[in-house]
């Protein structure tokens, strides 16, 4: 028998444990557990109330009826869909999986979405564009000690923080984050011009024979500056299903990227306002460009590795620096919530600069340290889309539902579906949250076990894992 004194050792306070027992002992617990399992163990499910009625168009016969009146609490719980791992690990896992498939489809092809495997033969590189320096910070420069004289451990909280906070250019740091999206746009525009120039073509002529495609993700460095990881690829004029011209090589793409990233055009000018000087923002000098190799050739920069890396950071944001994962209303919240000093100064710089640059909405994006762009983006013809992947999943689940309702043999055009739904809340009670977290852990364990079993099977068959 579970008693209250066991709560501390189990990690739950008495109120949470009591609520867990209430939920587990309720008449609808099995159905509640089934709902949560279908959401993947979502941390903040959306609650809906309503009904669905399926009728035969010709006869008016009711083929199926569902109502939330019979559900626990008269509510249907669906996944929140939040991409942030800090908000909902379960939904973030799904988002990361979709991003992985999106990026990998542009590297290895996807027959289900008409992306040929021949895309592997196109020139493609894995690119990292970083921010410039805003002042010296504590780091781990290989085998040498940091400038401060210490050798920092990998998990040292001092890493990324300024050696001298008073001289660190916090204003430039948040303005760079705020304009990073524009810098990327200027970089891609310049890259097309550079490739055209090296091929002896005009911009119009380049469009007729080649297309530049990319998929990218933003990542916050420990110092709180945004940098971008991207797959950049040269295709033929019709995208991934058309071969690139013979002159398109990985070497030509690499050289064009280096030139475009450092070109004078690839800058953003921030005007002088008040006490802030005129600034010309540009990419940092650290530029990493690596060819993406096909799977199984012994390289670390493989299609799977690149897709996994980008998917990993698609679910993270500025909270990795100690910032909050939601908007910050005032400076007092930074102290009350224990935001680290360096991150706090970046957030406060957003507060200070917002009146000077009202069109940049720095106050609204202070929790993102000024960054206001999308974390993962792609060019139109890089590969599939997140919407298409979600629709495939929705169609699969709809087919499962038709089977469960005995409607497999009914043609969709012969039925009329009537629905009515209303929002009825979101989230969990403390006990529900603890139980949902346990369900999510079980689901994750099952996935890892299945993945290891598949890897072992492929190893036995001599296929790449």
Protein backbone atom coordinates (compact mmCIF):
# COMPACT_ATOMS: atom_id res chain seq x y z
CA UNK A 1 0.00 0.00 0.00
CA UNK A 2 1.35 3.44 -0.95
CA UNK A 3 1.39 5.94 1.93
CA UNK A 4 2.03 9.66 2.21
CA UNK A 5 5.54 9.29 3.72
CA UNK A 6 6.68 7.62 0.49
CA UNK A 7 6.05 10.83 -1.45
CA UNK A 8 9.46 12.48 -0.85
CA UNK A 9 11.38 9.39 -1.98
CA UNK A 10 9.17 9.11 -5.04
CA UNK A 11 9.80 12.75 -5.88
CA UNK A 12 6.19 13.87 -5.29
CA UNK A 13 4.77 16.12 -2.60
CA UNK A 14 1.78 14.99 -0.61
CA UNK A 15 -0.74 17.02 -2.65
CA UNK A 16 0.54 15.60 -5.95
CA UNK A 17 0.53 12.05 -4.60
CA UNK A 18 -3.01 12.50 -3.32
CA UNK A 19 -4.14 13.78 -6.71
CA UNK A 20 -2.43 10.85 -8.45
CA UNK A 21 -4.38 8.42 -6.27
CA UNK A 22 -7.60 10.31 -7.06
CA UNK A 23 -7.01 10.10 -10.81
CA UNK A 24 -5.94 6.44 -10.70
CA UNK A 25 -8.99 5.54 -8.66
CA UNK A 26 -11.52 7.35 -10.83
CA UNK A 27 -13.99 5.27 -12.93
CA UNK A 28 -12.68 6.67 -16.24
CA UNK A 29 -8.97 6.19 -15.50
CA UNK A 30 -8.37 3.55 -18.19
CA UNK A 31 -9.93 5.74 -20.86
CA UNK A 32 -8.04 8.81 -19.57
CA UNK A 33 -4.80 6.82 -19.79
CA UNK A 34 -5.69 5.77 -23.34
CA UNK A 35 -6.28 9.42 -24.32
CA UNK A 36 -2.93 10.51 -22.88
CA UNK A 37 -1.16 7.61 -24.58
CA UNK A 38 -2.65 8.69 -27.93
CA UNK A 39 -1.19 12.18 -27.40
CA UNK A 40 2.25 10.62 -26.87
CA UNK A 41 2.24 11.69 -23.22
CA UNK A 42 1.67 15.38 -24.02
CA UNK A 43 2.48 17.68 -21.08
CA UNK A 44 -0.21 20.26 -21.88
CA UNK A 45 -3.02 18.62 -23.87
CA UNK A 46 -5.84 20.69 -25.34
CA UNK A 47 -9.30 19.80 -23.98
CA UNK A 48 -12.22 19.69 -26.42
CA UNK A 49 -15.93 19.08 -26.00
CA UNK A 50 -18.22 18.16 -28.86
CA UNK A 51 -19.44 15.43 -31.15
CA UNK A 52 -19.08 13.79 -34.58
CA UNK A 53 -21.97 12.33 -36.55
CA UNK A 54 -21.39 10.20 -39.69
CA UNK A 55 -24.43 9.59 -41.92
CA UNK A 56 -25.12 7.87 -45.21
CA UNK A 57 -25.91 10.60 -47.76
CA UNK A 58 -28.47 8.52 -49.64
CA UNK A 59 -30.44 6.96 -46.78
CA UNK A 60 -29.76 9.33 -43.90
CA UNK A 61 -28.77 6.33 -41.78
CA UNK A 62 -26.46 7.11 -38.89
CA UNK A 63 -23.30 5.07 -39.45
CA UNK A 64 -21.39 6.30 -36.42
CA UNK A 65 -21.79 8.77 -33.58
CA UNK A 66 -19.19 9.98 -31.10
CA UNK A 67 -19.63 12.41 -28.23
CA UNK A 68 -17.32 13.56 -25.49
CA UNK A 69 -20.19 13.09 -23.03
CA UNK A 70 -18.88 9.58 -22.37
CA UNK A 71 -15.24 10.66 -21.92
CA UNK A 72 -13.53 11.27 -18.55
CA UNK A 73 -14.59 14.74 -17.48
CA UNK A 74 -16.65 14.93 -20.68
CA UNK A 75 -13.51 16.00 -22.55
CA UNK A 76 -11.32 14.75 -25.37
CA UNK A 77 -7.63 15.49 -24.91
CA UNK A 78 -5.43 16.12 -27.95
CA UNK A 79 -1.71 16.92 -28.20
CA UNK A 80 -0.69 20.58 -27.81
CA UNK A 81 1.78 20.37 -30.71
CA UNK A 82 4.34 22.70 -29.08
CA UNK A 83 7.79 22.35 -30.69
CA UNK A 84 9.74 23.43 -27.59
CA UNK A 85 11.26 20.58 -25.61
CA UNK A 86 11.16 22.82 -22.52
CA UNK A 87 7.36 23.05 -22.80
CA UNK A 88 6.33 19.59 -24.00
CA UNK A 89 8.99 16.91 -24.58
CA UNK A 90 6.45 14.56 -26.18
CA UNK A 91 5.24 16.99 -28.86
CA UNK A 92 8.79 18.28 -29.37
CA UNK A 93 9.85 14.70 -30.13
CA UNK A 94 7.23 14.52 -32.88
CA UNK A 95 8.33 17.90 -34.26
CA UNK A 96 11.97 16.80 -34.24
CA UNK A 97 11.01 13.61 -36.06
CA UNK A 98 9.19 15.57 -38.76
CA UNK A 99 12.18 17.91 -39.13
CA UNK A 100 14.52 14.93 -39.41
CA UNK A 101 12.47 13.43 -42.25
CA UNK A 102 12.18 16.82 -43.97
CA UNK A 103 15.96 17.39 -43.91
CA UNK A 104 16.88 13.81 -44.76
CA UNK A 105 14.44 13.73 -47.69
CA UNK A 106 16.41 16.60 -49.20
CA UNK A 107 19.64 14.67 -48.75
CA UNK A 108 18.75 11.07 -49.58
CA UNK A 109 15.43 11.35 -51.41
CA UNK A 110 11.96 10.14 -50.48
CA UNK A 111 10.04 8.04 -52.98
CA UNK A 112 6.76 8.59 -51.12
CA UNK A 113 7.06 12.31 -51.84
CA UNK A 114 8.52 12.11 -55.35
CA UNK A 115 12.01 13.18 -54.27
CA UNK A 116 14.41 10.90 -56.21
CA UNK A 117 17.38 9.21 -54.57
CA UNK A 118 19.49 10.83 -57.31
CA UNK A 119 19.43 13.99 -55.18
CA UNK A 120 22.40 12.37 -53.40
CA UNK A 121 24.48 13.11 -56.47
CA UNK A 122 23.81 16.86 -56.27
CA UNK A 123 26.49 19.12 -54.73
CA UNK A 124 25.51 19.66 -51.06
CA UNK A 125 27.30 20.92 -47.98
CA UNK A 126 26.60 21.33 -44.27
CA UNK A 127 27.17 24.99 -43.41
CA UNK A 128 27.51 26.79 -40.09
CA UNK A 129 27.36 30.61 -39.99
CA UNK A 130 28.25 32.17 -36.64
CA UNK A 131 27.94 35.56 -34.98
CA UNK A 132 30.88 37.97 -34.67
CA UNK A 133 32.60 38.71 -31.39
CA UNK A 134 30.98 41.16 -28.98
CA UNK A 135 33.80 40.84 -26.47
CA UNK A 136 36.04 38.03 -25.14
CA UNK A 137 34.26 35.20 -23.31
CA UNK A 138 35.27 32.17 -21.28
CA UNK A 139 35.79 29.23 -23.62
CA UNK A 140 37.61 25.92 -24.10
CA UNK A 141 40.25 26.58 -26.82
CA UNK A 142 41.38 23.01 -27.44
CA UNK A 143 44.23 21.95 -25.19
CA UNK A 144 45.09 25.52 -24.17
CA UNK A 145 43.67 27.21 -21.06
CA UNK A 146 41.04 29.93 -21.38
CA UNK A 147 42.15 33.57 -21.43
CA UNK A 148 41.21 33.71 -17.76
CA UNK A 149 43.93 31.12 -17.09
CA UNK A 150 41.57 28.31 -16.08
CA UNK A 151 40.80 25.07 -17.91
CA UNK A 152 37.02 24.95 -17.97
CA UNK A 153 35.12 21.71 -17.69
CA UNK A 154 32.59 21.00 -20.41
CA UNK A 155 29.68 21.76 -18.06
CA UNK A 156 31.23 24.86 -16.46
CA UNK A 157 28.53 27.55 -16.16
CA UNK A 158 31.17 30.22 -16.85
CA UNK A 159 31.51 29.08 -20.48
CA UNK A 160 30.16 31.68 -22.89
CA UNK A 161 30.04 34.45 -20.29
CA UNK A 162 32.17 37.60 -20.79
CA UNK A 163 35.59 37.95 -19.23
CA UNK A 164 34.60 41.57 -18.54
CA UNK A 165 30.79 42.04 -18.53
CA UNK A 166 31.13 45.83 -18.27
CA UNK A 167 32.93 46.08 -21.62
CA UNK A 168 30.88 43.42 -23.44
CA UNK A 169 28.72 44.90 -26.23
CA UNK A 170 25.31 43.62 -25.13
CA UNK A 171 23.49 46.05 -27.43
CA UNK A 172 25.31 44.75 -30.51
CA UNK A 173 24.67 41.15 -29.41
CA UNK A 174 20.89 41.49 -29.25
CA UNK A 175 20.76 43.64 -32.40
CA UNK A 176 22.67 40.92 -34.25
CA UNK A 177 20.16 38.31 -33.05
CA UNK A 178 17.32 40.58 -34.07
CA UNK A 179 18.66 41.04 -37.61
CA UNK A 180 19.96 37.49 -38.13
CA UNK A 181 17.05 36.61 -40.41
CA UNK A 182 17.83 39.55 -42.69
CA UNK A 183 21.50 38.58 -42.73
CA UNK A 184 20.55 35.08 -43.86
CA UNK A 185 18.36 36.50 -46.64
CA UNK A 186 21.20 38.70 -47.86
CA UNK A 187 23.59 35.79 -47.70
CA UNK A 188 21.36 33.55 -49.87
CA UNK A 189 20.82 36.35 -52.37
CA UNK A 190 24.55 36.94 -52.60
CA UNK A 191 25.24 33.22 -52.87
CA UNK A 192 23.09 32.96 -56.00
CA UNK A 193 24.96 35.91 -57.51
CA UNK A 194 28.34 34.38 -56.71
CA UNK A 195 27.44 31.02 -58.23
CA UNK A 196 26.10 32.73 -61.34
CA UNK A 197 29.25 34.84 -61.63
CA UNK A 198 31.62 31.86 -61.29
CA UNK A 199 29.64 30.03 -63.98
CA UNK A 200 29.73 33.07 -66.27
CA UNK A 201 25.94 33.47 -66.14
CA UNK A 202 23.51 36.26 -65.37
CA UNK A 203 20.91 35.86 -62.62
CA UNK A 204 18.22 35.16 -65.21
CA UNK A 205 20.41 32.58 -66.97
CA UNK A 206 21.18 30.85 -63.68
CA UNK A 207 17.46 30.32 -62.96
CA UNK A 208 17.13 28.56 -66.30
CA UNK A 209 19.77 25.93 -65.47
CA UNK A 210 20.16 25.69 -61.68
CA UNK A 211 18.46 26.34 -58.37
CA UNK A 212 19.93 26.81 -54.88
CA UNK A 213 17.98 24.99 -52.16
CA UNK A 214 18.51 24.90 -48.41
CA UNK A 215 17.12 23.72 -45.09
CA UNK A 216 18.36 25.44 -41.94
CA UNK A 217 17.95 25.71 -38.19
CA UNK A 218 18.97 28.39 -35.67
CA UNK A 219 20.93 27.54 -32.54
CA UNK A 220 21.88 29.69 -29.57
CA UNK A 221 25.51 29.53 -28.57
CA UNK A 222 26.35 29.57 -24.87
CA UNK A 223 27.15 33.28 -25.12
CA UNK A 224 23.55 33.90 -26.23
CA UNK A 225 24.30 34.64 -29.90
CA UNK A 226 22.37 32.97 -32.69
CA UNK A 227 24.11 31.00 -35.40
CA UNK A 228 22.68 28.97 -38.27
CA UNK A 229 23.26 25.40 -39.39
CA UNK A 230 22.13 24.67 -42.95
CA UNK A 231 22.17 22.11 -45.70
CA UNK A 232 22.84 23.96 -48.99
CA UNK A 233 22.36 22.13 -52.29
CA UNK A 234 22.59 22.90 -56.02
CA UNK A 235 19.76 21.40 -58.12
CA UNK A 236 18.68 21.61 -61.70
CA UNK A 237 16.10 24.24 -62.72
CA UNK A 238 13.13 22.14 -61.53
CA UNK A 239 14.49 21.38 -58.08
CA UNK A 240 15.60 18.04 -56.58
CA UNK A 241 14.14 15.92 -59.40
CA UNK A 242 16.29 17.59 -62.06
CA UNK A 243 20.07 17.13 -62.34
CA UNK A 244 22.34 20.15 -61.77
CA UNK A 245 24.48 21.44 -64.65
CA UNK A 246 27.86 19.81 -65.20
CA UNK A 247 29.74 22.85 -63.91
CA UNK A 248 28.01 22.60 -60.49
CA UNK A 249 30.46 21.00 -58.08
CA UNK A 250 30.83 20.83 -54.31
CA UNK A 251 34.06 22.83 -54.61
CA UNK A 252 32.34 25.60 -56.58
CA UNK A 253 29.51 25.70 -54.02
CA UNK A 254 31.99 25.87 -51.13
CA UNK A 255 33.97 28.72 -52.69
CA UNK A 256 30.79 30.66 -53.45
CA UNK A 257 29.58 30.28 -49.87
CA UNK A 258 32.88 31.61 -48.49
CA UNK A 259 32.73 34.62 -50.78
CA UNK A 260 29.06 35.34 -50.10
CA UNK A 261 29.44 35.10 -46.31
CA UNK A 262 32.23 37.69 -46.25
CA UNK A 263 31.01 39.99 -49.04
CA UNK A 264 30.35 43.65 -48.22
CA UNK A 265 26.78 43.24 -49.50
CA UNK A 266 26.08 40.60 -46.85
CA UNK A 267 25.68 43.12 -44.05
CA UNK A 268 22.80 44.89 -42.34
CA UNK A 269 23.16 48.53 -41.31
CA UNK A 270 21.53 49.59 -38.04
CA UNK A 271 21.27 53.40 -37.90
CA UNK A 272 22.59 55.51 -35.05
CA UNK A 273 19.80 56.38 -32.62
CA UNK A 274 20.21 58.24 -29.33
CA UNK A 275 23.33 56.99 -27.58
CA UNK A 276 23.64 53.99 -29.91
CA UNK A 277 26.20 54.32 -32.74
CA UNK A 278 25.70 53.24 -36.35
CA UNK A 279 26.42 49.52 -36.69
CA UNK A 280 27.09 47.29 -39.67
CA UNK A 281 26.22 43.77 -38.67
CA UNK A 282 27.88 40.86 -40.44
CA UNK A 283 28.60 37.17 -39.93
CA UNK A 284 31.46 36.10 -37.72
CA UNK A 285 34.82 34.90 -39.02
CA UNK A 286 34.17 31.32 -37.89
CA UNK A 287 32.72 29.66 -40.99
CA UNK A 288 32.37 25.89 -41.22
CA UNK A 289 31.56 24.23 -44.58
CA UNK A 290 31.66 20.45 -44.91
CA UNK A 291 30.57 18.22 -47.79
CA UNK A 292 27.70 15.89 -46.85
CA UNK A 293 28.65 12.30 -47.58
CA UNK A 294 26.38 9.39 -48.44
CA UNK A 295 25.63 7.00 -45.59
CA UNK A 296 28.20 4.32 -44.86
CA UNK A 297 31.36 5.88 -46.28
CA UNK A 298 33.01 6.32 -42.87
CA UNK A 299 32.44 10.11 -42.67
CA UNK A 300 30.99 11.84 -39.63
CA UNK A 301 29.08 14.29 -41.84
CA UNK A 302 26.56 11.79 -43.18
CA UNK A 303 22.99 12.36 -44.28
CA UNK A 304 21.62 10.81 -41.09
CA UNK A 305 24.01 12.72 -38.84
CA UNK A 306 23.18 16.07 -40.43
CA UNK A 307 19.42 15.45 -40.34
CA UNK A 308 19.63 14.37 -36.69
CA UNK A 309 21.70 17.42 -35.74
CA UNK A 310 19.31 19.88 -37.34
CA UNK A 311 16.26 18.09 -35.89
CA UNK A 312 17.80 18.26 -32.41
CA UNK A 313 18.06 22.04 -32.43
CA UNK A 314 14.67 22.57 -34.05
CA UNK A 315 13.08 21.94 -30.62
CA UNK A 316 15.35 24.27 -28.63
CA UNK A 317 15.53 28.04 -28.28
CA UNK A 318 17.04 30.67 -25.98
CA UNK A 319 16.07 28.72 -22.85
CA UNK A 320 19.32 26.77 -23.42
CA UNK A 321 21.13 29.94 -22.26
CA UNK A 322 19.07 30.25 -19.10
CA UNK A 323 16.41 32.55 -20.56
CA UNK A 324 12.68 31.85 -20.28
CA UNK A 325 10.64 30.04 -22.90
CA UNK A 326 7.88 32.66 -22.82
CA UNK A 327 7.60 36.43 -22.91
CA UNK A 328 9.03 38.41 -20.02
CA UNK A 329 6.89 41.20 -18.65
CA UNK A 330 9.36 43.13 -16.52
CA UNK A 331 12.87 43.21 -15.11
CA UNK A 332 11.75 42.01 -11.70
CA UNK A 333 10.79 38.65 -13.21
CA UNK A 334 14.41 38.09 -14.22
CA UNK A 335 15.53 38.26 -10.61
CA UNK A 336 12.60 36.29 -9.18
CA UNK A 337 13.10 33.48 -11.69
CA UNK A 338 16.85 33.30 -11.22
CA UNK A 339 17.92 34.12 -14.78
CA UNK A 340 21.77 33.96 -15.00
CA UNK A 341 23.58 37.29 -14.95
CA UNK A 342 24.85 37.21 -18.55
CA UNK A 343 21.45 36.21 -19.95
CA UNK A 344 19.76 38.80 -17.74
CA UNK A 345 21.95 41.54 -19.22
CA UNK A 346 21.02 40.44 -22.75
CA UNK A 347 17.32 40.56 -21.88
CA UNK A 348 17.73 43.96 -20.24
CA UNK A 349 19.52 45.22 -23.36
CA UNK A 350 16.36 44.35 -25.30
CA UNK A 351 14.32 46.36 -22.78
CA UNK A 352 16.68 49.33 -23.10
CA UNK A 353 16.84 49.29 -26.92
CA UNK A 354 13.15 48.77 -27.60
CA UNK A 355 12.21 52.50 -27.40
CA UNK A 356 15.08 53.35 -29.77
CA UNK A 357 14.13 50.77 -32.42
CA UNK A 358 10.35 50.35 -32.02
CA UNK A 359 9.95 48.61 -35.39
CA UNK A 360 12.27 45.78 -34.26
CA UNK A 361 9.95 44.70 -31.39
CA UNK A 362 12.87 43.95 -29.09
CA UNK A 363 10.69 44.01 -25.98
CA UNK A 364 8.33 41.37 -27.39
CA UNK A 365 11.31 39.13 -28.23
CA UNK A 366 13.39 39.82 -25.14
CA UNK A 367 12.94 36.22 -23.94
CA UNK A 368 14.56 35.16 -27.25
CA UNK A 369 17.44 37.60 -26.64
CA UNK A 370 16.16 39.68 -29.56
CA UNK A 371 15.87 36.88 -32.13
CA UNK A 372 12.53 37.09 -33.92
CA UNK A 373 12.86 34.63 -36.80
CA UNK A 374 11.66 31.08 -37.33
CA UNK A 375 13.98 28.48 -35.87
CA UNK A 376 13.74 26.06 -38.76
CA UNK A 377 13.12 27.17 -42.35
CA UNK A 378 13.73 25.84 -45.83
CA UNK A 379 13.58 27.01 -49.41
CA UNK A 380 10.46 26.10 -51.35
CA UNK A 381 11.89 23.17 -53.30
CA UNK A 382 14.35 21.76 -50.80
CA UNK A 383 12.13 18.75 -50.02
CA UNK A 384 8.72 18.03 -48.52
CA UNK A 385 6.99 20.30 -45.97
CA UNK A 386 6.00 19.90 -42.34
CA UNK A 387 2.36 20.33 -43.40
CA UNK A 388 2.63 17.37 -45.79
CA UNK A 389 4.22 15.21 -43.11
CA UNK A 390 1.49 16.14 -40.62
CA UNK A 391 -1.20 15.43 -43.19
CA UNK A 392 0.28 11.97 -43.84
CA UNK A 393 0.10 11.26 -40.11
CA UNK A 394 -3.47 12.59 -39.92
CA UNK A 395 -4.54 10.44 -42.89
CA UNK A 396 -3.02 7.37 -41.27
CA UNK A 397 -4.87 8.01 -38.03
CA UNK A 398 -8.10 8.68 -39.91
CA UNK A 399 -7.73 5.31 -41.64
CA UNK A 400 -7.24 3.67 -38.24
CA UNK A 401 -10.41 5.34 -36.97
CA UNK A 402 -12.43 4.17 -39.99
CA UNK A 403 -11.26 0.62 -39.34
CA UNK A 404 -12.16 0.86 -35.66
CA UNK A 405 -15.65 2.14 -36.55
CA UNK A 406 -16.24 -0.52 -39.17
CA UNK A 407 -16.35 2.00 -42.03
CA UNK A 408 -13.54 0.56 -44.13
CA UNK A 409 -15.89 -0.49 -46.93
CA UNK A 410 -17.76 2.82 -47.03
CA UNK A 411 -16.73 5.22 -49.78
CA UNK A 412 -15.87 8.67 -48.32
CA UNK A 413 -17.98 10.42 -50.99
CA UNK A 414 -21.12 8.57 -49.86
CA UNK A 415 -21.11 9.84 -46.26
CA UNK A 416 -21.87 13.16 -44.61
CA UNK A 417 -19.80 14.06 -41.55
CA UNK A 418 -21.20 16.64 -39.13
CA UNK A 419 -19.08 17.95 -36.25
CA UNK A 420 -19.23 20.47 -33.43
CA UNK A 421 -16.24 21.24 -31.20
CA UNK A 422 -15.55 23.81 -28.49
CA UNK A 423 -12.41 24.58 -26.51
CA UNK A 424 -12.73 23.40 -22.89
CA UNK A 425 -9.32 24.13 -21.39
CA UNK A 426 -5.82 22.69 -21.43
CA UNK A 427 -3.18 21.07 -19.27
CA UNK A 428 -3.17 18.61 -16.37
CA UNK A 429 -3.83 18.64 -12.67
CA UNK A 430 -0.67 17.91 -10.60
CA UNK A 431 -1.49 14.22 -10.32
CA UNK A 432 -2.40 13.93 -13.99
CA UNK A 433 0.87 15.65 -14.94
CA UNK A 434 2.90 13.10 -12.95
CA UNK A 435 1.03 10.17 -14.49
CA UNK A 436 1.30 11.66 -18.01
CA UNK A 437 5.06 12.05 -17.55
CA UNK A 438 5.26 8.38 -16.61
CA UNK A 439 3.31 7.43 -19.76
CA UNK A 440 5.65 9.60 -21.87
CA UNK A 441 8.69 7.86 -20.37
CA UNK A 442 7.22 4.44 -21.15
CA UNK A 443 6.55 5.49 -24.75
CA UNK A 444 10.10 6.81 -25.11
CA UNK A 445 11.54 3.60 -23.67
CA UNK A 446 9.49 1.50 -26.08
CA UNK A 447 10.72 3.61 -29.00
CA UNK A 448 14.35 3.27 -27.95
CA UNK A 449 13.94 -0.49 -27.51
CA UNK A 450 12.37 -0.83 -30.97
CA UNK A 451 15.12 1.32 -32.49
CA UNK A 452 17.86 -0.81 -30.91
CA UNK A 453 16.15 -4.00 -32.10
CA UNK A 454 15.98 -2.62 -35.66
CA UNK A 455 19.63 -1.55 -35.49
CA UNK A 456 20.65 -5.04 -34.34
CA UNK A 457 18.61 -6.64 -37.11
CA UNK A 458 20.16 -4.42 -39.77
CA UNK A 459 23.63 -5.16 -38.41
CA UNK A 460 22.98 -8.90 -38.74
CA UNK A 461 21.79 -8.40 -42.30
CA UNK A 462 24.81 -6.24 -43.12
CA UNK A 463 22.67 -3.20 -43.93
CA UNK A 464 23.45 0.37 -42.72
CA UNK A 465 21.76 1.18 -39.38
